[in-house]
PDB file of N, CA and C in Angstrom:
ATOM      1  N   MET A   1       0.876  -1.222   0.025  1.00  0.00           N
ATOM      2  CA  MET A   1       0.117  -0.006  -0.032  1.00  0.00           C
ATOM      3  C   MET A   1       0.914   1.312   0.035  1.00  0.00           C
ATOM      4  N   ARG A   2       1.999   1.272   0.788  1.00  0.00           N
ATOM      5  CA  ARG A   2       2.886   2.238   0.778  1.00  0.00           C
ATOM      6  C   ARG A   2       3.592   2.648  -0.400  1.00  0.00           C
ATOM      7  N   ARG A   3       3.743   1.502  -1.176  1.00  0.00           N
ATOM      8  CA  ARG A   3       4.497   1.631  -2.525  1.00  0.00           C
ATOM      9  C   ARG A   3       3.544   2.344  -3.458  1.00  0.00           C
ATOM     10  N   VAL A   4       2.061   1.948  -3.436  1.00  0.00           N
ATOM     11  CA  VAL A   4       1.182   2.491  -4.427  1.00  0.00           C
ATOM     12  C   VAL A   4       1.172   3.947  -4.112  1.00  0.00           C
ATOM     13  N   GLY A   5       1.036   4.401  -2.819  1.00  0.00           N
ATOM     14  CA  GLY A   5       0.949   5.752  -2.423  1.00  0.00           C
ATOM     15  C   GLY A   5       2.202   6.595  -2.954  1.00  0.00           C
ATOM     16  N   PHE A   6       3.351   6.009  -2.816  1.00  0.00           N
ATOM     17  CA  PHE A   6       4.586   6.643  -3.373  1.00  0.00           C
ATOM     18  C   PHE A   6       4.587   6.839  -4.889  1.00  0.00           C
ATOM     19  N   SER A   7       4.238   5.779  -5.466  1.00  0.00           N
ATOM     20  CA  SER A   7       4.117   5.783  -6.880  1.00  0.00           C
ATOM     21  C   SER A   7       3.115   6.869  -7.533  1.00  0.00           C
ATOM     22  N   LEU A   8       1.903   7.107  -6.681  1.00  0.00           N
ATOM     23  CA  LEU A   8       0.878   8.127  -7.161  1.00  0.00           C
ATOM     24  C   LEU A   8       1.492   9.450  -6.955  1.00  0.00           C
ATOM     25  N   VAL A   9       2.300   9.653  -5.840  1.00  0.00           N
ATOM     26  CA  VAL A   9       2.752  11.009  -5.651  1.00  0.00           C
ATOM     27  C   VAL A   9       3.904  11.339  -6.625  1.00  0.00           C
ATOM     28  N   PHE A  10       4.616  10.264  -6.946  1.00  0.00           N
ATOM     29  CA  PHE A  10       5.702  10.512  -7.915  1.00  0.00           C
ATOM     30  C   PHE A  10       5.033  10.822  -9.308  1.00  0.00           C
ATOM     31  N   LEU A  11       4.061  10.003  -9.706  1.00  0.00           N
ATOM     32  CA  LEU A  11       3.509  10.398 -11.094  1.00  0.00           C
ATOM     33  C   LEU A  11       2.834  11.734 -11.038  1.00  0.00           C
ATOM     34  N   ALA A  12       2.261  12.165  -9.907  1.00  0.00           N
ATOM     35  CA  ALA A  12       1.678  13.505  -9.778  1.00  0.00           C
ATOM     36  C   ALA A  12       2.680  14.554 -10.146  1.00  0.00           C
ATOM     37  N   LEU A  13       3.941  14.487  -9.376  1.00  0.00           N
ATOM     38  CA  LEU A  13       4.955  15.389  -9.531  1.00  0.00           C
ATOM     39  C   LEU A  13       5.605  15.348 -10.921  1.00  0.00           C
ATOM     40  N   LEU A  14       5.695  14.243 -11.442  1.00  0.00           N
ATOM     41  CA  LEU A  14       6.317  14.027 -12.856  1.00  0.00           C
ATOM     42  C   LEU A  14       5.295  14.815 -13.775  1.00  0.00           C
ATOM     43  N   SER A  15       3.932  14.671 -13.581  1.00  0.00           N
ATOM     44  CA  SER A  15       3.031  15.322 -14.455  1.00  0.00           C
ATOM     45  C   SER A  15       3.023  16.766 -14.450  1.00  0.00           C
ATOM     46  N   VAL A  16       3.258  17.286 -13.211  1.00  0.00           N
ATOM     47  CA  VAL A  16       3.462  18.795 -13.103  1.00  0.00           C
ATOM     48  C   VAL A  16       4.589  19.269 -13.780  1.00  0.00           C
ATOM     49  N   ALA A  17       5.769  18.591 -13.476  1.00  0.00           N
ATOM     50  CA  ALA A  17       6.962  19.118 -13.999  1.00  0.00           C
ATOM     51  C   ALA A  17       6.974  18.924 -15.672  1.00  0.00           C
ATOM     52  N   CYS A  18       6.382  17.910 -16.236  1.00  0.00           N
ATOM     53  CA  CYS A  18       6.244  17.830 -17.640  1.00  0.00           C
ATOM     54  C   CYS A  18       5.297  18.967 -18.254  1.00  0.00           C
ATOM     55  N   SER A  19       4.261  19.313 -17.414  1.00  0.00           N
ATOM     56  CA  SER A  19       3.376  20.261 -18.011  1.00  0.00           C
ATOM     57  C   SER A  19       3.864  21.770 -18.029  1.00  0.00           C
ATOM     58  N   THR A  20       4.849  21.896 -17.178  1.00  0.00           N
ATOM     59  CA  THR A  20       5.473  23.300 -17.089  1.00  0.00           C
ATOM     60  C   THR A  20       6.933  23.436 -17.711  1.00  0.00           C
ATOM     61  N   ALA A  21       7.447  22.354 -18.406  1.00  0.00           N
ATOM     62  CA  ALA A  21       8.675  22.290 -18.953  1.00  0.00           C
ATOM     63  C   ALA A  21       8.670  23.314 -20.252  1.00  0.00           C
ATOM     64  N   GLY A  22       9.698  24.052 -20.339  1.00  0.00           N
ATOM     65  CA  GLY A  22       9.814  24.776 -21.584  1.00  0.00           C
ATOM     66  C   GLY A  22       8.930  26.074 -21.485  1.00  0.00           C
ATOM     67  N   THR A  23       8.490  26.605 -20.481  1.00  0.00           N
ATOM     68  CA  THR A  23       7.641  27.744 -20.490  1.00  0.00           C
ATOM     69  C   THR A  23       8.348  28.934 -20.493  1.00  0.00           C
ATOM     70  N   GLY A  24       9.604  28.982 -20.086  1.00  0.00           N
ATOM     71  CA  GLY A  24      10.419  30.162 -20.079  1.00  0.00           C
ATOM     72  C   GLY A  24      10.474  30.775 -18.718  1.00  0.00           C
ATOM     73  N   GLU A  25      11.144  31.891 -18.492  1.00  0.00           N
ATOM     74  CA  GLU A  25      11.347  32.516 -17.304  1.00  0.00           C
ATOM     75  C   GLU A  25       9.980  33.117 -16.615  1.00  0.00           C
ATOM     76  N   SER A  26       9.116  33.576 -17.458  1.00  0.00           N
ATOM     77  CA  SER A  26       7.816  34.341 -16.989  1.00  0.00           C
ATOM     78  C   SER A  26       6.776  33.189 -16.692  1.00  0.00           C
ATOM     79  N   GLY A  27       7.095  31.922 -17.071  1.00  0.00           N
ATOM     80  CA  GLY A  27       5.992  30.903 -16.775  1.00  0.00           C
ATOM     81  C   GLY A  27       4.886  30.795 -17.821  1.00  0.00           C
ATOM     82  N   SER A  28       4.966  31.662 -18.968  1.00  0.00           N
ATOM     83  CA  SER A  28       4.071  31.619 -20.050  1.00  0.00           C
ATOM     84  C   SER A  28       4.813  31.368 -21.213  1.00  0.00           C
ATOM     85  N   ARG A  29       4.248  30.575 -22.184  1.00  0.00           N
ATOM     86  CA  ARG A  29       4.815  30.221 -23.469  1.00  0.00           C
ATOM     87  C   ARG A  29       4.554  31.580 -24.461  1.00  0.00           C
ATOM     88  N   ARG A  30       5.586  31.620 -25.162  1.00  0.00           N
ATOM     89  CA  ARG A  30       5.499  32.756 -26.176  1.00  0.00           C
ATOM     90  C   ARG A  30       4.661  32.322 -27.450  1.00  0.00           C
ATOM     91  N   ASN A  31       3.866  33.261 -27.740  1.00  0.00           N
ATOM     92  CA  ASN A  31       3.015  32.856 -29.047  1.00  0.00           C
ATOM     93  C   ASN A  31       3.812  32.933 -30.138  1.00  0.00           C
ATOM     94  N   ARG A  32       3.841  31.775 -30.981  1.00  0.00           N
ATOM     95  CA  ARG A  32       4.670  31.764 -32.155  1.00  0.00           C
ATOM     96  C   ARG A  32       4.108  32.779 -33.202  1.00  0.00           C
ATOM     97  N   ASN A  33       2.839  33.258 -33.228  1.00  0.00           N
ATOM     98  CA  ASN A  33       2.365  34.113 -34.333  1.00  0.00           C
ATOM     99  C   ASN A  33       2.302  35.734 -33.853  1.00  0.00           C
ATOM    100  N   VAL A  34       2.937  35.885 -32.649  1.00  0.00           N
ATOM    101  CA  VAL A  34       2.981  37.379 -32.087  1.00  0.00           C
ATOM    102  C   VAL A  34       4.479  37.545 -31.492  1.00  0.00           C
ATOM    103  N   ILE A  35       4.921  38.704 -32.023  1.00  0.00           N
ATOM    104  CA  ILE A  35       6.124  39.236 -31.359  1.00  0.00           C
ATOM    105  C   ILE A  35       5.678  40.455 -30.445  1.00  0.00           C
ATOM    106  N   SER A  36       5.734  40.291 -29.132  1.00  0.00           N
ATOM    107  CA  SER A  36       5.162  41.333 -28.142  1.00  0.00           C
ATOM    108  C   SER A  36       6.306  42.475 -28.004  1.00  0.00           C
ATOM    109  N   ALA A  37       5.759  43.513 -27.364  1.00  0.00           N
ATOM    110  CA  ALA A  37       6.537  44.618 -27.004  1.00  0.00           C
ATOM    111  C   ALA A  37       7.688  44.132 -26.126  1.00  0.00           C
ATOM    112  N   GLU A  38       7.390  43.084 -25.127  1.00  0.00           N
ATOM    113  CA  GLU A  38       8.344  42.626 -24.218  1.00  0.00           C
ATOM    114  C   GLU A  38       9.469  41.984 -25.055  1.00  0.00           C
ATOM    115  N   GLU A  39       9.112  41.108 -26.067  1.00  0.00           N
ATOM    116  CA  GLU A  39      10.240  40.499 -26.880  1.00  0.00           C
ATOM    117  C   GLU A  39      11.124  41.516 -27.549  1.00  0.00           C
ATOM    118  N   LEU A  40      10.371  42.528 -28.097  1.00  0.00           N
ATOM    119  CA  LEU A  40      11.098  43.581 -28.999  1.00  0.00           C
ATOM    120  C   LEU A  40      12.119  44.330 -27.940  1.00  0.00           C
ATOM    121  N   ALA A  41      11.782  44.515 -26.710  1.00  0.00           N
ATOM    122  CA  ALA A  41      12.406  45.207 -25.813  1.00  0.00           C
ATOM    123  C   ALA A  41      13.731  44.411 -25.563  1.00  0.00           C
ATOM    124  N   GLU A  42      13.722  43.125 -25.479  1.00  0.00           N
ATOM    125  CA  GLU A  42      14.767  42.256 -25.163  1.00  0.00           C
ATOM    126  C   GLU A  42      15.912  42.284 -26.114  1.00  0.00           C
ATOM    127  N   LEU A  43      15.632  42.977 -27.425  1.00  0.00           N
ATOM    128  CA  LEU A  43      16.585  43.117 -28.465  1.00  0.00           C
ATOM    129  C   LEU A  43      17.508  44.237 -28.116  1.00  0.00           C
ATOM    130  N   VAL A  44      18.723  44.072 -28.087  1.00  0.00           N
ATOM    131  CA  VAL A  44      19.729  45.241 -27.795  1.00  0.00           C
ATOM    132  C   VAL A  44      20.293  45.768 -29.131  1.00  0.00           C
ATOM    133  N   GLY A  45      20.023  46.964 -29.511  1.00  0.00           N
ATOM    134  CA  GLY A  45      20.617  47.367 -30.715  1.00  0.00           C
ATOM    135  C   GLY A  45      19.483  48.371 -31.412  1.00  0.00           C
ATOM    136  N   ASN A  46      19.984  49.063 -32.510  1.00  0.00           N
ATOM    137  CA  ASN A  46      19.014  49.873 -33.287  1.00  0.00           C
ATOM    138  C   ASN A  46      18.471  48.966 -34.407  1.00  0.00           C
ATOM    139  N   TYR A  47      17.439  48.096 -34.146  1.00  0.00           N
ATOM    140  CA  TYR A  47      17.004  47.205 -35.173  1.00  0.00           C
ATOM    141  C   TYR A  47      15.771  47.842 -35.894  1.00  0.00           C
ATOM    142  N   SER A  48      15.667  47.317 -37.080  1.00  0.00           N
ATOM    143  CA  SER A  48      14.375  47.556 -37.693  1.00  0.00           C
ATOM    144  C   SER A  48      13.436  46.366 -37.480  1.00  0.00           C
ATOM    145  N   ALA A  49      12.145  46.612 -37.961  1.00  0.00           N
ATOM    146  CA  ALA A  49      11.215  45.650 -37.668  1.00  0.00           C
ATOM    147  C   ALA A  49      11.755  44.269 -38.581  1.00  0.00           C
ATOM    148  N   TYR A  50      12.143  44.512 -39.575  1.00  0.00           N
ATOM    149  CA  TYR A  50      12.585  43.474 -40.463  1.00  0.00           C
ATOM    150  C   TYR A  50      13.563  42.585 -39.841  1.00  0.00           C
ATOM    151  N   GLU A  51      14.622  43.224 -39.103  1.00  0.00           N
ATOM    152  CA  GLU A  51      15.755  42.603 -38.484  1.00  0.00           C
ATOM    153  C   GLU A  51      15.153  41.797 -37.189  1.00  0.00           C
ATOM    154  N   ALA A  52      14.205  42.444 -36.591  1.00  0.00           N
ATOM    155  CA  ALA A  52      13.643  41.845 -35.473  1.00  0.00           C
ATOM    156  C   ALA A  52      12.863  40.461 -35.933  1.00  0.00           C
ATOM    157  N   VAL A  53      12.092  40.563 -36.857  1.00  0.00           N
ATOM    158  CA  VAL A  53      11.539  39.473 -37.348  1.00  0.00           C
ATOM    159  C   VAL A  53      12.498  38.408 -37.806  1.00  0.00           C
ATOM    160  N   GLN A  54      13.490  38.696 -38.454  1.00  0.00           N
ATOM    161  CA  GLN A  54      14.487  37.927 -38.938  1.00  0.00           C
ATOM    162  C   GLN A  54      15.183  37.200 -37.674  1.00  0.00           C
ATOM    163  N   ARG A  55      15.434  37.850 -36.666  1.00  0.00           N
ATOM    164  CA  ARG A  55      15.973  37.276 -35.527  1.00  0.00           C
ATOM    165  C   ARG A  55      15.073  36.336 -34.557  1.00  0.00           C
ATOM    166  N   LEU A  56      13.808  36.762 -34.489  1.00  0.00           N
ATOM    167  CA  LEU A  56      12.777  36.146 -33.470  1.00  0.00           C
ATOM    168  C   LEU A  56      11.932  35.158 -34.320  1.00  0.00           C
ATOM    169  N   ARG A  57      11.524  35.537 -35.495  1.00  0.00           N
ATOM    170  CA  ARG A  57      10.549  34.470 -36.274  1.00  0.00           C
ATOM    171  C   ARG A  57      10.961  34.518 -37.789  1.00  0.00           C
ATOM    172  N   ALA A  58      12.165  34.039 -38.005  1.00  0.00           N
ATOM    173  CA  ALA A  58      12.571  34.104 -39.506  1.00  0.00           C
ATOM    174  C   ALA A  58      11.770  33.358 -40.290  1.00  0.00           C
ATOM    175  N   ASN A  59      10.979  32.390 -39.893  1.00  0.00           N
ATOM    176  CA  ASN A  59      10.059  31.585 -40.755  1.00  0.00           C
ATOM    177  C   ASN A  59       8.945  32.417 -41.494  1.00  0.00           C
ATOM    178  N   TRP A  60       8.663  33.569 -40.590  1.00  0.00           N
ATOM    179  CA  TRP A  60       7.544  34.329 -41.190  1.00  0.00           C
ATOM    180  C   TRP A  60       7.912  34.871 -42.613  1.00  0.00           C
ATOM    181  N   LEU A  61       9.280  35.197 -42.854  1.00  0.00           N
ATOM    182  CA  LEU A  61       9.748  35.883 -43.973  1.00  0.00           C
ATOM    183  C   LEU A  61       9.772  34.949 -45.283  1.00  0.00           C
ATOM    184  N   SER A  62       9.789  33.697 -45.004  1.00  0.00           N
ATOM    185  CA  SER A  62       9.977  32.711 -46.085  1.00  0.00           C
ATOM    186  C   SER A  62       8.660  32.514 -47.079  1.00  0.00           C
ATOM    187  N   GLY A  63       7.504  32.808 -46.400  1.00  0.00           N
ATOM    188  CA  GLY A  63       6.386  32.568 -47.292  1.00  0.00           C
ATOM    189  C   GLY A  63       6.009  31.157 -47.373  1.00  0.00           C
ATOM    190  N   ARG A  64       5.168  30.853 -48.318  1.00  0.00           N
ATOM    191  CA  ARG A  64       4.858  29.317 -48.711  1.00  0.00           C
ATOM    192  C   ARG A  64       4.897  29.386 -50.229  1.00  0.00           C
ATOM    193  N   GLY A  65       5.707  28.340 -50.763  1.00  0.00           N
ATOM    194  CA  GLY A  65       5.881  28.193 -52.125  1.00  0.00           C
ATOM    195  C   GLY A  65       6.506  29.563 -52.720  1.00  0.00           C
ATOM    196  N   THR A  66       5.826  30.096 -53.829  1.00  0.00           N
ATOM    197  CA  THR A  66       6.353  31.301 -54.431  1.00  0.00           C
ATOM    198  C   THR A  66       5.625  32.404 -53.877  1.00  0.00           C
ATOM    199  N   SER A  67       4.651  32.353 -52.942  1.00  0.00           N
ATOM    200  CA  SER A  67       3.929  33.434 -52.126  1.00  0.00           C
ATOM    201  C   SER A  67       4.648  33.875 -51.137  1.00  0.00           C
ATOM    202  N   ARG A  68       4.943  35.138 -51.033  1.00  0.00           N
ATOM    203  CA  ARG A  68       5.754  35.752 -49.982  1.00  0.00           C
ATOM    204  C   ARG A  68       4.605  36.556 -49.156  1.00  0.00           C
ATOM    205  N   PRO A  69       4.859  36.837 -47.832  1.00  0.00           N
ATOM    206  CA  PRO A  69       3.933  37.478 -47.121  1.00  0.00           C
ATOM    207  C   PRO A  69       3.820  38.845 -47.448  1.00  0.00           C
ATOM    208  N   ARG A  70       2.583  39.568 -47.112  1.00  0.00           N
ATOM    209  CA  ARG A  70       2.443  41.034 -47.310  1.00  0.00           C
ATOM    210  C   ARG A  70       2.588  41.749 -45.948  1.00  0.00           C
ATOM    211  N   VAL A  71       2.772  42.925 -46.002  1.00  0.00           N
ATOM    212  CA  VAL A  71       2.947  43.556 -44.601  1.00  0.00           C
ATOM    213  C   VAL A  71       1.864  44.639 -44.693  1.00  0.00           C
ATOM    214  N   PHE A  72       1.231  44.647 -43.566  1.00  0.00           N
ATOM    215  CA  PHE A  72       0.103  45.585 -43.230  1.00  0.00           C
ATOM    216  C   PHE A  72       0.654  46.417 -42.047  1.00  0.00           C
ATOM    217  N   VAL A  73       0.582  47.710 -41.973  1.00  0.00           N
ATOM    218  CA  VAL A  73       1.056  48.461 -40.957  1.00  0.00           C
ATOM    219  C   VAL A  73      -0.189  49.425 -40.621  1.00  0.00           C
ATOM    220  N   ASP A  74      -0.627  49.124 -39.230  1.00  0.00           N
ATOM    221  CA  ASP A  74      -1.966  49.737 -38.750  1.00  0.00           C
ATOM    222  C   ASP A  74      -3.056  49.548 -39.594  1.00  0.00           C
ATOM    223  N   GLY A  75      -3.225  48.409 -40.316  1.00  0.00           N
ATOM    224  CA  GLY A  75      -4.249  48.076 -41.064  1.00  0.00           C
ATOM    225  C   GLY A  75      -4.206  48.434 -42.570  1.00  0.00           C
ATOM    226  N   ILE A  76      -3.058  48.979 -42.947  1.00  0.00           N
ATOM    227  CA  ILE A  76      -2.839  49.503 -44.335  1.00  0.00           C
ATOM    228  C   ILE A  76      -1.883  48.502 -45.050  1.00  0.00           C
ATOM    229  N   ASP A  77      -2.220  47.984 -46.250  1.00  0.00           N
ATOM    230  CA  ASP A  77      -1.340  47.043 -46.961  1.00  0.00           C
ATOM    231  C   ASP A  77      -0.240  48.022 -47.575  1.00  0.00           C
ATOM    232  N   LEU A  78       1.015  47.692 -47.115  1.00  0.00           N
ATOM    233  CA  LEU A  78       2.083  48.490 -47.640  1.00  0.00           C
ATOM    234  C   LEU A  78       2.997  47.590 -48.697  1.00  0.00           C
ATOM    235  N   GLY A  79       2.780  46.582 -48.827  1.00  0.00           N
ATOM    236  CA  GLY A  79       3.595  45.584 -49.806  1.00  0.00           C
ATOM    237  C   GLY A  79       4.244  44.581 -49.173  1.00  0.00           C
ATOM    238  N   GLY A  80       5.520  44.244 -49.768  1.00  0.00           N
ATOM    239  CA  GLY A  80       6.296  43.093 -49.329  1.00  0.00           C
ATOM    240  C   GLY A  80       7.129  43.401 -48.155  1.00  0.00           C
ATOM    241  N   THR A  81       7.833  42.208 -47.682  1.00  0.00           N
ATOM    242  CA  THR A  81       8.503  42.423 -46.399  1.00  0.00           C
ATOM    243  C   THR A  81       9.683  43.471 -46.318  1.00  0.00           C
ATOM    244  N   GLU A  82      10.135  44.037 -47.469  1.00  0.00           N
ATOM    245  CA  GLU A  82      11.210  44.913 -47.395  1.00  0.00           C
ATOM    246  C   GLU A  82      10.617  46.154 -46.641  1.00  0.00           C
ATOM    247  N   VAL A  83       9.283  46.550 -46.818  1.00  0.00           N
ATOM    248  CA  VAL A  83       8.813  47.561 -46.036  1.00  0.00           C
ATOM    249  C   VAL A  83       9.150  47.651 -44.547  1.00  0.00           C
ATOM    250  N   LEU A  84       9.282  46.436 -44.004  1.00  0.00           N
ATOM    251  CA  LEU A  84       9.565  46.347 -42.563  1.00  0.00           C
ATOM    252  C   LEU A  84      10.847  47.084 -42.244  1.00  0.00           C
ATOM    253  N   ARG A  85      11.903  47.186 -43.186  1.00  0.00           N
ATOM    254  CA  ARG A  85      13.181  47.890 -42.999  1.00  0.00           C
ATOM    255  C   ARG A  85      12.832  49.501 -42.580  1.00  0.00           C
ATOM    256  N   ASN A  86      11.787  49.925 -42.875  1.00  0.00           N
ATOM    257  CA  ASN A  86      11.479  51.323 -42.586  1.00  0.00           C
ATOM    258  C   ASN A  86      11.011  51.578 -41.356  1.00  0.00           C
ATOM    259  N   TYR A  87      10.719  50.706 -40.376  1.00  0.00           N
ATOM    260  CA  TYR A  87      10.166  50.836 -39.176  1.00  0.00           C
ATOM    261  C   TYR A  87      11.068  50.395 -38.026  1.00  0.00           C
ATOM    262  N   ARG A  88      11.466  51.515 -37.169  1.00  0.00           N
ATOM    263  CA  ARG A  88      12.381  51.170 -35.990  1.00  0.00           C
ATOM    264  C   ARG A  88      11.675  50.513 -34.923  1.00  0.00           C
ATOM    265  N   LEU A  89      12.147  49.704 -34.089  1.00  0.00           N
ATOM    266  CA  LEU A  89      11.471  48.965 -32.903  1.00  0.00           C
ATOM    267  C   LEU A  89      10.853  49.905 -31.859  1.00  0.00           C
ATOM    268  N   GLU A  90      11.400  51.003 -31.652  1.00  0.00           N
ATOM    269  CA  GLU A  90      10.802  52.013 -30.656  1.00  0.00           C
ATOM    270  C   GLU A  90       9.529  52.502 -31.033  1.00  0.00           C
ATOM    271  N   THR A  91       9.114  52.490 -32.308  1.00  0.00           N
ATOM    272  CA  THR A  91       7.810  52.744 -32.910  1.00  0.00           C
ATOM    273  C   THR A  91       6.756  51.693 -32.891  1.00  0.00           C
ATOM    274  N   ILE A  92       7.209  50.461 -32.582  1.00  0.00           N
ATOM    275  CA  ILE A  92       6.298  49.339 -32.756  1.00  0.00           C
ATOM    276  C   ILE A  92       5.727  48.794 -31.370  1.00  0.00           C
ATOM    277  N   ARG A  93       4.573  48.519 -31.271  1.00  0.00           N
ATOM    278  CA  ARG A  93       3.857  47.965 -30.130  1.00  0.00           C
ATOM    279  C   ARG A  93       3.782  46.344 -30.344  1.00  0.00           C
ATOM    280  N   GLU A  94       3.516  45.937 -31.438  1.00  0.00           N
ATOM    281  CA  GLU A  94       3.349  44.375 -31.607  1.00  0.00           C
ATOM    282  C   GLU A  94       3.601  44.193 -33.155  1.00  0.00           C
ATOM    283  N   ILE A  95       3.958  42.847 -33.403  1.00  0.00           N
ATOM    284  CA  ILE A  95       4.110  42.410 -34.760  1.00  0.00           C
ATOM    285  C   ILE A  95       3.442  40.998 -34.757  1.00  0.00           C
ATOM    286  N   ARG A  96       2.506  40.810 -35.736  1.00  0.00           N
ATOM    287  CA  ARG A  96       1.760  39.568 -35.796  1.00  0.00           C
ATOM    288  C   ARG A  96       1.818  38.924 -37.128  1.00  0.00           C
ATOM    289  N   PHE A  97       1.714  37.494 -37.084  1.00  0.00           N
ATOM    290  CA  PHE A  97       1.819  36.829 -38.330  1.00  0.00           C
ATOM    291  C   PHE A  97       0.421  36.251 -38.652  1.00  0.00           C
ATOM    292  N   VAL A  98      -0.304  36.487 -39.722  1.00  0.00           N
ATOM    293  CA  VAL A  98      -1.504  36.002 -39.816  1.00  0.00           C
ATOM    294  C   VAL A  98      -1.446  34.842 -40.879  1.00  0.00           C
ATOM    295  N   GLN A  99      -1.746  33.532 -40.576  1.00  0.00           N
ATOM    296  CA  GLN A  99      -1.537  32.511 -41.476  1.00  0.00           C
ATOM    297  C   GLN A  99      -2.353  32.803 -42.836  1.00  0.00           C
ATOM    298  N   PRO A 100      -1.819  32.039 -43.914  1.00  0.00           N
ATOM    299  CA  PRO A 100      -2.557  32.423 -45.316  1.00  0.00           C
ATOM    300  C   PRO A 100      -4.040  32.220 -45.226  1.00  0.00           C
ATOM    301  N   SER A 101      -4.520  31.098 -44.630  1.00  0.00           N
ATOM    302  CA  SER A 101      -5.936  30.841 -44.690  1.00  0.00           C
ATOM    303  C   SER A 101      -6.619  31.773 -43.782  1.00  0.00           C
ATOM    304  N   ASP A 102      -6.167  32.281 -42.772  1.00  0.00           N
ATOM    305  CA  ASP A 102      -6.857  33.393 -41.886  1.00  0.00           C
ATOM    306  C   ASP A 102      -6.695  34.799 -42.659  1.00  0.00           C
ATOM    307  N   ALA A 103      -5.636  34.975 -43.359  1.00  0.00           N
ATOM    308  CA  ALA A 103      -5.463  36.255 -44.199  1.00  0.00           C
ATOM    309  C   ALA A 103      -6.440  36.371 -45.316  1.00  0.00           C
ATOM    310  N   THR A 104      -6.768  35.135 -45.976  1.00  0.00           N
ATOM    311  CA  THR A 104      -7.755  35.118 -46.959  1.00  0.00           C
ATOM    312  C   THR A 104      -9.200  35.504 -46.478  1.00  0.00           C
ATOM    313  N   VAL A 105      -9.463  35.018 -45.390  1.00  0.00           N
ATOM    314  CA  VAL A 105     -10.691  35.353 -44.748  1.00  0.00           C
ATOM    315  C   VAL A 105     -10.862  36.859 -44.333  1.00  0.00           C
ATOM    316  N   ARG A 106      -9.693  37.236 -43.635  1.00  0.00           N
ATOM    317  CA  ARG A 106      -9.790  38.724 -43.238  1.00  0.00           C
ATOM    318  C   ARG A 106      -9.536  39.791 -44.373  1.00  0.00           C
ATOM    319  N   PHE A 107      -8.659  39.410 -45.218  1.00  0.00           N
ATOM    320  CA  PHE A 107      -8.315  40.491 -46.285  1.00  0.00           C
ATOM    321  C   PHE A 107      -8.682  40.103 -47.789  1.00  0.00           C
ATOM    322  N   GLY A 108      -9.038  38.898 -48.056  1.00  0.00           N
ATOM    323  CA  GLY A 108      -9.452  38.460 -49.505  1.00  0.00           C
ATOM    324  C   GLY A 108      -8.432  37.600 -50.118  1.00  0.00           C
ATOM    325  N   THR A 109      -8.478  37.480 -51.294  1.00  0.00           N
ATOM    326  CA  THR A 109      -7.577  36.564 -51.954  1.00  0.00           C
ATOM    327  C   THR A 109      -6.203  37.424 -52.141  1.00  0.00           C
ATOM    328  N   GLY A 110      -5.081  36.493 -52.513  1.00  0.00           N
ATOM    329  CA  GLY A 110      -3.990  37.004 -52.869  1.00  0.00           C
ATOM    330  C   GLY A 110      -2.987  37.178 -51.738  1.00  0.00           C
ATOM    331  N   PHE A 111      -3.229  36.335 -50.675  1.00  0.00           N
ATOM    332  CA  PHE A 111      -2.324  36.436 -49.339  1.00  0.00           C
ATOM    333  C   PHE A 111      -1.864  35.010 -49.117  1.00  0.00           C
ATOM    334  N   GLY A 112      -1.470  34.321 -50.086  1.00  0.00           N
ATOM    335  CA  GLY A 112      -0.987  32.897 -50.059  1.00  0.00           C
ATOM    336  C   GLY A 112       0.161  32.762 -49.196  1.00  0.00           C
ATOM    337  N   GLY A 113       1.051  33.923 -48.963  1.00  0.00           N
ATOM    338  CA  GLY A 113       2.034  33.811 -48.027  1.00  0.00           C
ATOM    339  C   GLY A 113       1.854  34.400 -46.686  1.00  0.00           C
ATOM    340  N   GLY A 114       0.458  34.714 -46.379  1.00  0.00           N
ATOM    341  CA  GLY A 114       0.282  35.275 -45.180  1.00  0.00           C
ATOM    342  C   GLY A 114       0.267  36.774 -45.063  1.00  0.00           C
ATOM    343  N   VAL A 115       0.194  37.167 -43.928  1.00  0.00           N
ATOM    344  CA  VAL A 115       0.370  38.747 -43.598  1.00  0.00           C
ATOM    345  C   VAL A 115       1.193  38.904 -42.414  1.00  0.00           C
ATOM    346  N   ILE A 116       2.091  39.813 -42.623  1.00  0.00           N
ATOM    347  CA  ILE A 116       2.831  40.304 -41.301  1.00  0.00           C
ATOM    348  C   ILE A 116       2.248  41.728 -40.958  1.00  0.00           C
ATOM    349  N   GLU A 117       1.597  41.648 -39.684  1.00  0.00           N
ATOM    350  CA  GLU A 117       0.774  42.913 -39.240  1.00  0.00           C
ATOM    351  C   GLU A 117       1.588  43.519 -38.377  1.00  0.00           C
ATOM    352  N   VAL A 118       1.891  44.851 -38.486  1.00  0.00           N
ATOM    353  CA  VAL A 118       2.581  45.681 -37.515  1.00  0.00           C
ATOM    354  C   VAL A 118       1.730  46.702 -37.032  1.00  0.00           C
ATOM    355  N   LEU A 119       1.688  46.648 -35.603  1.00  0.00           N
ATOM    356  CA  LEU A 119       0.864  47.587 -34.908  1.00  0.00           C
ATOM    357  C   LEU A 119       1.919  48.791 -34.278  1.00  0.00           C
ATOM    358  N   THR A 120       1.720  49.864 -34.674  1.00  0.00           N
ATOM    359  CA  THR A 120       2.644  50.826 -34.055  1.00  0.00           C
ATOM    360  C   THR A 120       2.012  51.474 -32.605  1.00  0.00           C
ATOM    361  N   LYS A 121       2.897  52.235 -32.003  1.00  0.00           N
ATOM    362  CA  LYS A 121       2.585  52.948 -30.754  1.00  0.00           C
ATOM    363  C   LYS A 121       1.762  54.261 -31.119  1.00  0.00           C
TER     364      LYS A 121
END
């Protein structure tokens, strides 16, 4: 009986340890589709939004097949990813990636590479 009780306690502790593994210092997982102001603040240097995305979520820039992501800044479609080079981190509140299927629903057709959405301060 004692052995069963010990096993149950061990399994409970193991379960808790596994469920919290990899959550980072703050205890919460980072959203793979959002670069928050906190993440941007962790970058040391005078980076552009393009460089920040390249460092933190490089896969956003690759697109899908021949389709590349479009960039929206504060709801306005400004074109391809090179536009991100014009925005400094201190002016940005958040950067989001909208998957191609969601971008088609939100913005219409022609967004096969998804959308990188920049929200400024």
